């Protein structure tokens, strides 16, 4: 039996750079497997050592999420500032 392949993308961005890797992976691949196959974990060591936060086209998902043809897995960085706290501070300044 021939294994069916799908084309997916894995994206990661830092303020000065955005990287988008296109991969051919077997059907049934998970977001976590795609991130590992992309090579981005070694290219950006700051991703390692913390829980993997990912999404597909901007919608947060679990790393175990099974991908389908043309999905784009996005690797999220931790927030630098809490959005609620930032709004509070802006309101105080007004």
PDB file of N, CA and C in Angstrom:
ATOM      1  N   UNK A   1       0.841  -1.182   0.000  1.00  0.00           N
ATOM      2  CA  UNK A   1       0.000   0.000   0.000  1.00  0.00           C
ATOM      3  C   UNK A   1       0.891   1.252   0.000  1.00  0.00           C
ATOM      4  N   UNK A   2       0.571   2.181  -0.846  1.00  0.00           N
ATOM      5  CA  UNK A   2       1.341   3.409  -0.964  1.00  0.00           C
ATOM      6  C   UNK A   2       0.860   4.420   0.072  1.00  0.00           C
ATOM      7  N   UNK A   3       1.821   4.990   0.790  1.00  0.00           N
ATOM      8  CA  UNK A   3       1.484   5.983   1.809  1.00  0.00           C
ATOM      9  C   UNK A   3       1.181   7.320   1.127  1.00  0.00           C
ATOM     10  N   UNK A   4       0.023   7.890   1.439  1.00  0.00           N
ATOM     11  CA  UNK A   4      -0.364   9.181   0.856  1.00  0.00           C
ATOM     12  C   UNK A   4       0.374  10.293   1.570  1.00  0.00           C
ATOM     13  N   UNK A   5       0.809  11.270   0.800  1.00  0.00           N
ATOM     14  CA  UNK A   5       1.557  12.394   1.343  1.00  0.00           C
ATOM     15  C   UNK A   5       0.705  13.665   1.251  1.00  0.00           C
ATOM     16  N   UNK A   6       0.930  14.569   2.203  1.00  0.00           N
ATOM     17  CA  UNK A   6       0.276  15.874   2.176  1.00  0.00           C
ATOM     18  C   UNK A   6       1.354  16.959   2.233  1.00  0.00           C
ATOM     19  N   UNK A   7       1.026  18.118   1.722  1.00  0.00           N
ATOM     20  CA  UNK A   7       1.931  19.262   1.778  1.00  0.00           C
ATOM     21  C   UNK A   7       1.431  20.198   2.867  1.00  0.00           C
ATOM     22  N   UNK A   8       2.327  20.517   3.801  1.00  0.00           N
ATOM     23  CA  UNK A   8       1.976  21.422   4.903  1.00  0.00           C
ATOM     24  C   UNK A   8       3.099  22.443   5.059  1.00  0.00           C
ATOM     25  N   UNK A   9       2.835  23.482   5.843  1.00  0.00           N
ATOM     26  CA  UNK A   9       3.842  24.493   6.140  1.00  0.00           C
ATOM     27  C   UNK A   9       3.981  24.628   7.652  1.00  0.00           C
ATOM     28  N   UNK A  10       5.187  24.970   8.074  1.00  0.00           N
ATOM     29  CA  UNK A  10       5.454  25.266   9.482  1.00  0.00           C
ATOM     30  C   UNK A  10       6.061  26.660   9.536  1.00  0.00           C
ATOM     31  N   UNK A  11       5.492  27.524  10.362  1.00  0.00           N
ATOM     32  CA  UNK A  11       5.933  28.922  10.434  1.00  0.00           C
ATOM     33  C   UNK A  11       6.362  29.287  11.849  1.00  0.00           C
ATOM     34  N   UNK A  12       7.404  30.124  11.913  1.00  0.00           N
ATOM     35  CA  UNK A  12       7.847  30.688  13.191  1.00  0.00           C
ATOM     36  C   UNK A  12       8.382  32.082  12.907  1.00  0.00           C
ATOM     37  N   UNK A  13       8.116  33.009  13.796  1.00  0.00           N
ATOM     38  CA  UNK A  13       8.579  34.384  13.588  1.00  0.00           C
ATOM     39  C   UNK A  13       9.137  34.956  14.870  1.00  0.00           C
ATOM     40  N   UNK A  14      10.204  35.712  14.706  1.00  0.00           N
ATOM     41  CA  UNK A  14      10.757  36.554  15.755  1.00  0.00           C
ATOM     42  C   UNK A  14      10.701  37.967  15.183  1.00  0.00           C
ATOM     43  N   UNK A  15      10.856  39.006  16.001  1.00  0.00           N
ATOM     44  CA  UNK A  15      10.678  40.368  15.479  1.00  0.00           C
ATOM     45  C   UNK A  15      11.460  40.678  14.201  1.00  0.00           C
ATOM     46  N   UNK A  16      12.665  40.121  14.068  1.00  0.00           N
ATOM     47  CA  UNK A  16      13.494  40.469  12.918  1.00  0.00           C
ATOM     48  C   UNK A  16      13.449  39.454  11.771  1.00  0.00           C
ATOM     49  N   UNK A  17      12.714  38.364  11.944  1.00  0.00           N
ATOM     50  CA  UNK A  17      12.739  37.320  10.926  1.00  0.00           C
ATOM     51  C   UNK A  17      11.488  36.443  10.990  1.00  0.00           C
ATOM     52  N   UNK A  18      11.001  36.042   9.823  1.00  0.00           N
ATOM     53  CA  UNK A  18       9.916  35.067   9.732  1.00  0.00           C
ATOM     54  C   UNK A  18      10.402  33.915   8.866  1.00  0.00           C
ATOM     55  N   UNK A  19      10.161  32.690   9.327  1.00  0.00           N
ATOM     56  CA  UNK A  19      10.594  31.517   8.582  1.00  0.00           C
ATOM     57  C   UNK A  19       9.366  30.667   8.275  1.00  0.00           C
ATOM     58  N   UNK A  20       9.269  30.230   7.031  1.00  0.00           N
ATOM     59  CA  UNK A  20       8.167  29.379   6.582  1.00  0.00           C
ATOM     60  C   UNK A  20       8.774  28.187   5.858  1.00  0.00           C
ATOM     61  N   UNK A  21       8.558  27.000   6.405  1.00  0.00           N
ATOM     62  CA  UNK A  21       9.115  25.767   5.852  1.00  0.00           C
ATOM     63  C   UNK A  21       7.974  24.954   5.247  1.00  0.00           C
ATOM     64  N   UNK A  22       8.125  24.522   4.006  1.00  0.00           N
ATOM     65  CA  UNK A  22       7.146  23.663   3.355  1.00  0.00           C
ATOM     66  C   UNK A  22       7.647  22.226   3.427  1.00  0.00           C
ATOM     67  N   UNK A  23       6.755  21.326   3.841  1.00  0.00           N
ATOM     68  CA  UNK A  23       7.119  19.917   4.007  1.00  0.00           C
ATOM     69  C   UNK A  23       6.126  19.007   3.296  1.00  0.00           C
ATOM     70  N   UNK A  24       6.612  17.883   2.819  1.00  0.00           N
ATOM     71  CA  UNK A  24       5.772  16.776   2.355  1.00  0.00           C
ATOM     72  C   UNK A  24       5.815  15.743   3.471  1.00  0.00           C
ATOM     73  N   UNK A  25       4.666  15.453   4.062  1.00  0.00           N
ATOM     74  CA  UNK A  25       4.605  14.531   5.201  1.00  0.00           C
ATOM     75  C   UNK A  25       3.532  13.487   4.936  1.00  0.00           C
ATOM     76  N   UNK A  26       3.646  12.327   5.583  1.00  0.00           N
ATOM     77  CA  UNK A  26       2.613  11.308   5.400  1.00  0.00           C
ATOM     78  C   UNK A  26       1.290  11.740   6.026  1.00  0.00           C
ATOM     79  N   UNK A  27       0.204  11.320   5.420  1.00  0.00           N
ATOM     80  CA  UNK A  27      -1.118  11.588   5.983  1.00  0.00           C
ATOM     81  C   UNK A  27      -1.157  11.079   7.419  1.00  0.00           C
ATOM     82  N   UNK A  28      -1.820  11.815   8.311  1.00  0.00           N
ATOM     83  CA  UNK A  28      -1.909  11.420   9.714  1.00  0.00           C
ATOM     84  C   UNK A  28      -0.855  12.060  10.587  1.00  0.00           C
ATOM     85  N   UNK A  29       0.017  12.881  10.007  1.00  0.00           N
ATOM     86  CA  UNK A  29       1.069  13.549  10.779  1.00  0.00           C
ATOM     87  C   UNK A  29       0.432  14.558  11.733  1.00  0.00           C
ATOM     88  N   UNK A  30       1.054  14.738  12.903  1.00  0.00           N
ATOM     89  CA  UNK A  30       0.555  15.704  13.885  1.00  0.00           C
ATOM     90  C   UNK A  30       1.331  17.015  13.775  1.00  0.00           C
ATOM     91  N   UNK A  31       0.793  18.045  14.389  1.00  0.00           N
ATOM     92  CA  UNK A  31       1.461  19.346  14.407  1.00  0.00           C
ATOM     93  C   UNK A  31       2.842  19.231  15.046  1.00  0.00           C
ATOM     94  N   UNK A  32       2.930  18.504  16.134  1.00  0.00           N
ATOM     95  CA  UNK A  32       4.215  18.335  16.820  1.00  0.00           C
ATOM     96  C   UNK A  32       5.231  17.623  15.928  1.00  0.00           C
ATOM     97  N   UNK A  33       4.825  16.589  15.227  1.00  0.00           N
ATOM     98  CA  UNK A  33       5.721  15.876  14.328  1.00  0.00           C
ATOM     99  C   UNK A  33       6.200  16.786  13.199  1.00  0.00           C
ATOM    100  N   UNK A  34       5.308  17.621  12.695  1.00  0.00           N
ATOM    101  CA  UNK A  34       5.671  18.552  11.629  1.00  0.00           C
ATOM    102  C   UNK A  34       6.690  19.575  12.126  1.00  0.00           C
ATOM    103  N   UNK A  35       6.493  20.091  13.339  1.00  0.00           N
ATOM    104  CA  UNK A  35       7.445  21.063  13.909  1.00  0.00           C
ATOM    105  C   UNK A  35       8.814  20.410  14.034  1.00  0.00           C
ATOM    106  N   UNK A  36       8.861  19.196  14.544  1.00  0.00           N
ATOM    107  CA  UNK A  36      10.146  18.494  14.692  1.00  0.00           C
ATOM    108  C   UNK A  36      10.798  18.259  13.334  1.00  0.00           C
ATOM    109  N   UNK A  37      10.021  17.870  12.335  1.00  0.00           N
ATOM    110  CA  UNK A  37      10.557  17.601  10.993  1.00  0.00           C
ATOM    111  C   UNK A  37      11.030  18.873  10.290  1.00  0.00           C
ATOM    112  N   UNK A  38      10.504  20.023  10.687  1.00  0.00           N
ATOM    113  CA  UNK A  38      10.838  21.285  10.017  1.00  0.00           C
ATOM    114  C   UNK A  38      12.272  21.737  10.267  1.00  0.00           C
ATOM    115  N   UNK A  39      12.873  21.293  11.366  1.00  0.00           N
ATOM    116  CA  UNK A  39      14.218  21.738  11.720  1.00  0.00           C
ATOM    117  C   UNK A  39      14.237  23.062  12.476  1.00  0.00           C
ATOM    118  N   UNK A  40      13.077  23.636  12.724  1.00  0.00           N
ATOM    119  CA  UNK A  40      13.029  24.937  13.399  1.00  0.00           C
ATOM    120  C   UNK A  40      13.448  24.853  14.866  1.00  0.00           C
ATOM    121  N   UNK A  41      13.294  23.688  15.486  1.00  0.00           N
ATOM    122  CA  UNK A  41      13.700  23.553  16.892  1.00  0.00           C
ATOM    123  C   UNK A  41      15.211  23.737  17.039  1.00  0.00           C
ATOM    124  N   UNK A  42      15.983  23.264  16.071  1.00  0.00           N
ATOM    125  CA  UNK A  42      17.437  23.456  16.160  1.00  0.00           C
ATOM    126  C   UNK A  42      17.846  24.847  15.662  1.00  0.00           C
ATOM    127  N   UNK A  43      17.093  25.405  14.727  1.00  0.00           N
ATOM    128  CA  UNK A  43      17.396  26.739  14.212  1.00  0.00           C
ATOM    129  C   UNK A  43      17.083  27.832  15.236  1.00  0.00           C
ATOM    130  N   UNK A  44      16.049  27.596  16.059  1.00  0.00           N
ATOM    131  CA  UNK A  44      15.635  28.562  17.081  1.00  0.00           C
ATOM    132  C   UNK A  44      15.576  27.840  18.435  1.00  0.00           C
ATOM    133  N   UNK A  45      16.704  27.712  19.125  1.00  0.00           N
ATOM    134  CA  UNK A  45      16.760  26.940  20.367  1.00  0.00           C
ATOM    135  C   UNK A  45      15.820  27.442  21.458  1.00  0.00           C
ATOM    136  N   UNK A  46      15.394  28.715  21.374  1.00  0.00           N
ATOM    137  CA  UNK A  46      14.484  29.243  22.400  1.00  0.00           C
ATOM    138  C   UNK A  46      13.129  28.554  22.393  1.00  0.00           C
ATOM    139  N   UNK A  47      12.788  27.875  21.304  1.00  0.00           N
ATOM    140  CA  UNK A  47      11.520  27.139  21.235  1.00  0.00           C
ATOM    141  C   UNK A  47      11.582  25.911  22.142  1.00  0.00           C
ATOM    142  N   UNK A  48      12.768  25.318  22.242  1.00  0.00           N
ATOM    143  CA  UNK A  48      12.935  24.112  23.047  1.00  0.00           C
ATOM    144  C   UNK A  48      12.882  24.451  24.530  1.00  0.00           C
ATOM    145  N   UNK A  49      12.607  23.454  25.341  1.00  0.00           N
ATOM    146  CA  UNK A  49      12.631  23.638  26.783  1.00  0.00           C
ATOM    147  C   UNK A  49      11.373  24.264  27.359  1.00  0.00           C
ATOM    148  N   UNK A  50      10.361  24.430  26.542  1.00  0.00           N
ATOM    149  CA  UNK A  50       9.070  24.922  27.050  1.00  0.00           C
ATOM    150  C   UNK A  50       7.981  24.153  26.325  1.00  0.00           C
ATOM    151  N   UNK A  51       6.786  24.222  26.878  1.00  0.00           N
ATOM    152  CA  UNK A  51       5.669  23.534  26.242  1.00  0.00           C
ATOM    153  C   UNK A  51       5.432  24.124  24.858  1.00  0.00           C
ATOM    154  N   UNK A  52       5.258  23.252  23.878  1.00  0.00           N
ATOM    155  CA  UNK A  52       5.071  23.693  22.503  1.00  0.00           C
ATOM    156  C   UNK A  52       3.687  24.308  22.337  1.00  0.00           C
ATOM    157  N   UNK A  53       3.656  25.582  21.966  1.00  0.00           N
ATOM    158  CA  UNK A  53       2.395  26.285  21.722  1.00  0.00           C
ATOM    159  C   UNK A  53       2.251  26.464  20.215  1.00  0.00           C
ATOM    160  N   UNK A  54       1.219  25.835  19.643  1.00  0.00           N
ATOM    161  CA  UNK A  54       1.035  25.867  18.192  1.00  0.00           C
ATOM    162  C   UNK A  54      -0.404  26.172  17.827  1.00  0.00           C
ATOM    163  N   UNK A  55      -0.584  26.538  16.585  1.00  0.00           N
ATOM    164  CA  UNK A  55      -1.911  26.754  16.036  1.00  0.00           C
ATOM    165  C   UNK A  55      -1.895  26.437  14.553  1.00  0.00           C
ATOM    166  N   UNK A  56      -3.073  26.367  13.983  1.00  0.00           N
ATOM    167  CA  UNK A  56      -3.213  26.154  12.550  1.00  0.00           C
ATOM    168  C   UNK A  56      -3.977  27.348  12.007  1.00  0.00           C
ATOM    169  N   UNK A  57      -3.319  28.109  11.138  1.00  0.00           N
ATOM    170  CA  UNK A  57      -3.905  29.327  10.563  1.00  0.00           C
ATOM    171  C   UNK A  57      -4.503  30.236  11.645  1.00  0.00           C
ATOM    172  N   UNK A  58      -3.770  30.444  12.744  1.00  0.00           N
ATOM    173  CA  UNK A  58      -4.198  31.382  13.774  1.00  0.00           C
ATOM    174  C   UNK A  58      -5.131  30.833  14.824  1.00  0.00           C
ATOM    175  N   UNK A  59      -5.548  29.587  14.701  1.00  0.00           N
ATOM    176  CA  UNK A  59      -6.426  28.966  15.699  1.00  0.00           C
ATOM    177  C   UNK A  59      -5.589  28.011  16.551  1.00  0.00           C
ATOM    178  N   UNK A  60      -5.484  28.299  17.839  1.00  0.00           N
ATOM    179  CA  UNK A  60      -4.676  27.482  18.739  1.00  0.00           C
ATOM    180  C   UNK A  60      -5.161  26.032  18.707  1.00  0.00           C
ATOM    181  N   UNK A  61      -4.203  25.109  18.705  1.00  0.00           N
ATOM    182  CA  UNK A  61      -4.537  23.684  18.729  1.00  0.00           C
ATOM    183  C   UNK A  61      -3.528  22.954  19.606  1.00  0.00           C
ATOM    184  N   UNK A  62      -3.821  21.715  19.887  1.00  0.00           N
ATOM    185  CA  UNK A  62      -2.907  20.876  20.664  1.00  0.00           C
ATOM    186  C   UNK A  62      -1.818  20.350  19.724  1.00  0.00           C
ATOM    187  N   UNK A  63      -0.622  20.082  20.253  1.00  0.00           N
ATOM    188  CA  UNK A  63       0.437  19.521  19.411  1.00  0.00           C
ATOM    189  C   UNK A  63       0.037  18.181  18.772  1.00  0.00           C
ATOM    190  N   UNK A  64      -0.919  17.485  19.376  1.00  0.00           N
ATOM    191  CA  UNK A  64      -1.363  16.183  18.864  1.00  0.00           C
ATOM    192  C   UNK A  64      -2.357  16.307  17.703  1.00  0.00           C
ATOM    193  N   UNK A  65      -2.730  17.528  17.333  1.00  0.00           N
ATOM    194  CA  UNK A  65      -3.691  17.750  16.261  1.00  0.00           C
ATOM    195  C   UNK A  65      -3.175  17.136  14.959  1.00  0.00           C
ATOM    196  N   UNK A  66      -4.014  16.318  14.313  1.00  0.00           N
ATOM    197  CA  UNK A  66      -3.655  15.715  13.031  1.00  0.00           C
ATOM    198  C   UNK A  66      -3.861  16.758  11.929  1.00  0.00           C
ATOM    199  N   UNK A  67      -2.890  16.854  11.060  1.00  0.00           N
ATOM    200  CA  UNK A  67      -2.915  17.855  10.000  1.00  0.00           C
ATOM    201  C   UNK A  67      -3.570  17.311   8.736  1.00  0.00           C
ATOM    202  N   UNK A  68      -4.063  18.227   7.917  1.00  0.00           N
ATOM    203  CA  UNK A  68      -4.628  17.881   6.614  1.00  0.00           C
ATOM    204  C   UNK A  68      -3.893  18.686   5.544  1.00  0.00           C
ATOM    205  N   UNK A  69      -4.110  18.310   4.297  1.00  0.00           N
ATOM    206  CA  UNK A  69      -3.470  18.967   3.162  1.00  0.00           C
ATOM    207  C   UNK A  69      -3.558  20.492   3.275  1.00  0.00           C
ATOM    208  N   UNK A  70      -2.423  21.159   3.072  1.00  0.00           N
ATOM    209  CA  UNK A  70      -2.297  22.617   3.012  1.00  0.00           C
ATOM    210  C   UNK A  70      -2.424  23.330   4.361  1.00  0.00           C
ATOM    211  N   UNK A  71      -2.408  22.605   5.486  1.00  0.00           N
ATOM    212  CA  UNK A  71      -2.408  23.264   6.796  1.00  0.00           C
ATOM    213  C   UNK A  71      -1.102  24.031   6.979  1.00  0.00           C
ATOM    214  N   UNK A  72      -1.171  25.138   7.724  1.00  0.00           N
ATOM    215  CA  UNK A  72       0.028  25.881   8.127  1.00  0.00           C
ATOM    216  C   UNK A  72       0.092  25.855   9.649  1.00  0.00           C
ATOM    217  N   UNK A  73       1.090  25.185  10.180  1.00  0.00           N
ATOM    218  CA  UNK A  73       1.307  25.116  11.623  1.00  0.00           C
ATOM    219  C   UNK A  73       2.124  26.342  12.028  1.00  0.00           C
ATOM    220  N   UNK A  74       1.624  27.077  12.999  1.00  0.00           N
ATOM    221  CA  UNK A  74       2.321  28.265  13.493  1.00  0.00           C
ATOM    222  C   UNK A  74       2.825  27.984  14.900  1.00  0.00           C
ATOM    223  N   UNK A  75       4.090  28.244  15.125  1.00  0.00           N
ATOM    224  CA  UNK A  75       4.695  28.071  16.444  1.00  0.00           C
ATOM    225  C   UNK A  75       4.613  29.421  17.143  1.00  0.00           C
ATOM    226  N   UNK A  76       4.004  29.439  18.330  1.00  0.00           N
ATOM    227  CA  UNK A  76       3.801  30.696  19.049  1.00  0.00           C
ATOM    228  C   UNK A  76       4.871  30.907  20.109  1.00  0.00           C
ATOM    229  N   UNK A  77       5.307  32.167  20.226  1.00  0.00           N
ATOM    230  CA  UNK A  77       6.228  32.565  21.282  1.00  0.00           C
ATOM    231  C   UNK A  77       5.410  32.970  22.499  1.00  0.00           C
ATOM    232  N   UNK A  78       5.995  32.879  23.699  1.00  0.00           N
ATOM    233  CA  UNK A  78       5.266  33.359  24.879  1.00  0.00           C
ATOM    234  C   UNK A  78       5.048  34.869  24.795  1.00  0.00           C
ATOM    235  N   UNK A  79       3.967  35.340  25.385  1.00  0.00           N
ATOM    236  CA  UNK A  79       3.692  36.779  25.408  1.00  0.00           C
ATOM    237  C   UNK A  79       4.711  37.485  26.290  1.00  0.00           C
ATOM    238  N   UNK A  80       5.183  38.635  25.823  1.00  0.00           N
ATOM    239  CA  UNK A  80       6.127  39.428  26.605  1.00  0.00           C
ATOM    240  C   UNK A  80       5.365  40.217  27.668  1.00  0.00           C
ATOM    241  N   UNK A  81       4.188  40.737  27.291  1.00  0.00           N
ATOM    242  CA  UNK A  81       3.358  41.520  28.193  1.00  0.00           C
ATOM    243  C   UNK A  81       1.947  40.931  28.219  1.00  0.00           C
ATOM    244  N   UNK A  82       1.345  40.934  29.370  1.00  0.00           N
ATOM    245  CA  UNK A  82      -0.042  40.505  29.492  1.00  0.00           C
ATOM    246  C   UNK A  82      -0.921  41.576  28.841  1.00  0.00           C
ATOM    247  N   UNK A  83      -1.732  41.224  27.834  1.00  0.00           N
ATOM    248  CA  UNK A  83      -2.548  42.228  27.141  1.00  0.00           C
ATOM    249  C   UNK A  83      -3.482  43.000  28.073  1.00  0.00           C
ATOM    250  N   UNK A  84      -4.046  42.337  29.062  1.00  0.00           N
ATOM    251  CA  UNK A  84      -4.945  43.029  29.996  1.00  0.00           C
ATOM    252  C   UNK A  84      -4.182  44.074  30.802  1.00  0.00           C
ATOM    253  N   UNK A  85      -3.005  43.697  31.261  1.00  0.00           N
ATOM    254  CA  UNK A  85      -2.194  44.629  32.044  1.00  0.00           C
ATOM    255  C   UNK A  85      -1.748  45.810  31.182  1.00  0.00           C
ATOM    256  N   UNK A  86      -1.391  45.563  29.935  1.00  0.00           N
ATOM    257  CA  UNK A  86      -0.984  46.645  29.027  1.00  0.00           C
ATOM    258  C   UNK A  86      -2.133  47.637  28.823  1.00  0.00           C
ATOM    259  N   UNK A  87      -3.366  47.142  28.660  1.00  0.00           N
ATOM    260  CA  UNK A  87      -4.530  48.032  28.504  1.00  0.00           C
ATOM    261  C   UNK A  87      -4.738  48.854  29.772  1.00  0.00           C
ATOM    262  N   UNK A  88      -4.597  48.204  30.932  1.00  0.00           N
ATOM    263  CA  UNK A  88      -4.748  48.906  32.210  1.00  0.00           C
ATOM    264  C   UNK A  88      -3.739  50.037  32.327  1.00  0.00           C
ATOM    265  N   UNK A  89      -2.504  49.775  31.971  1.00  0.00           N
ATOM    266  CA  UNK A  89      -1.471  50.788  32.075  1.00  0.00           C
ATOM    267  C   UNK A  89      -1.722  51.949  31.114  1.00  0.00           C
ATOM    268  N   UNK A  90      -2.218  51.641  29.902  1.00  0.00           N
ATOM    269  CA  UNK A  90      -2.545  52.714  28.956  1.00  0.00           C
ATOM    270  C   UNK A  90      -3.704  53.561  29.493  1.00  0.00           C
ATOM    271  N   UNK A  91      -4.676  52.926  30.131  1.00  0.00           N
ATOM    272  CA  UNK A  91      -5.828  53.649  30.677  1.00  0.00           C
ATOM    273  C   UNK A  91      -5.382  54.580  31.809  1.00  0.00           C
ATOM    274  N   UNK A  92      -4.446  54.148  32.624  1.00  0.00           N
ATOM    275  CA  UNK A  92      -3.944  54.958  33.725  1.00  0.00           C
ATOM    276  C   UNK A  92      -3.229  56.193  33.193  1.00  0.00           C
ATOM    277  N   UNK A  93      -2.503  56.048  32.087  1.00  0.00           N
ATOM    278  CA  UNK A  93      -1.768  57.168  31.493  1.00  0.00           C
ATOM    279  C   UNK A  93      -2.691  58.214  30.873  1.00  0.00           C
ATOM    280  N   UNK A  94      -3.888  57.827  30.461  1.00  0.00           N
ATOM    281  CA  UNK A  94      -4.817  58.760  29.786  1.00  0.00           C
ATOM    282  C   UNK A  94      -5.396  59.775  30.706  1.00  0.00           C
TER     283      UNK A  94
END
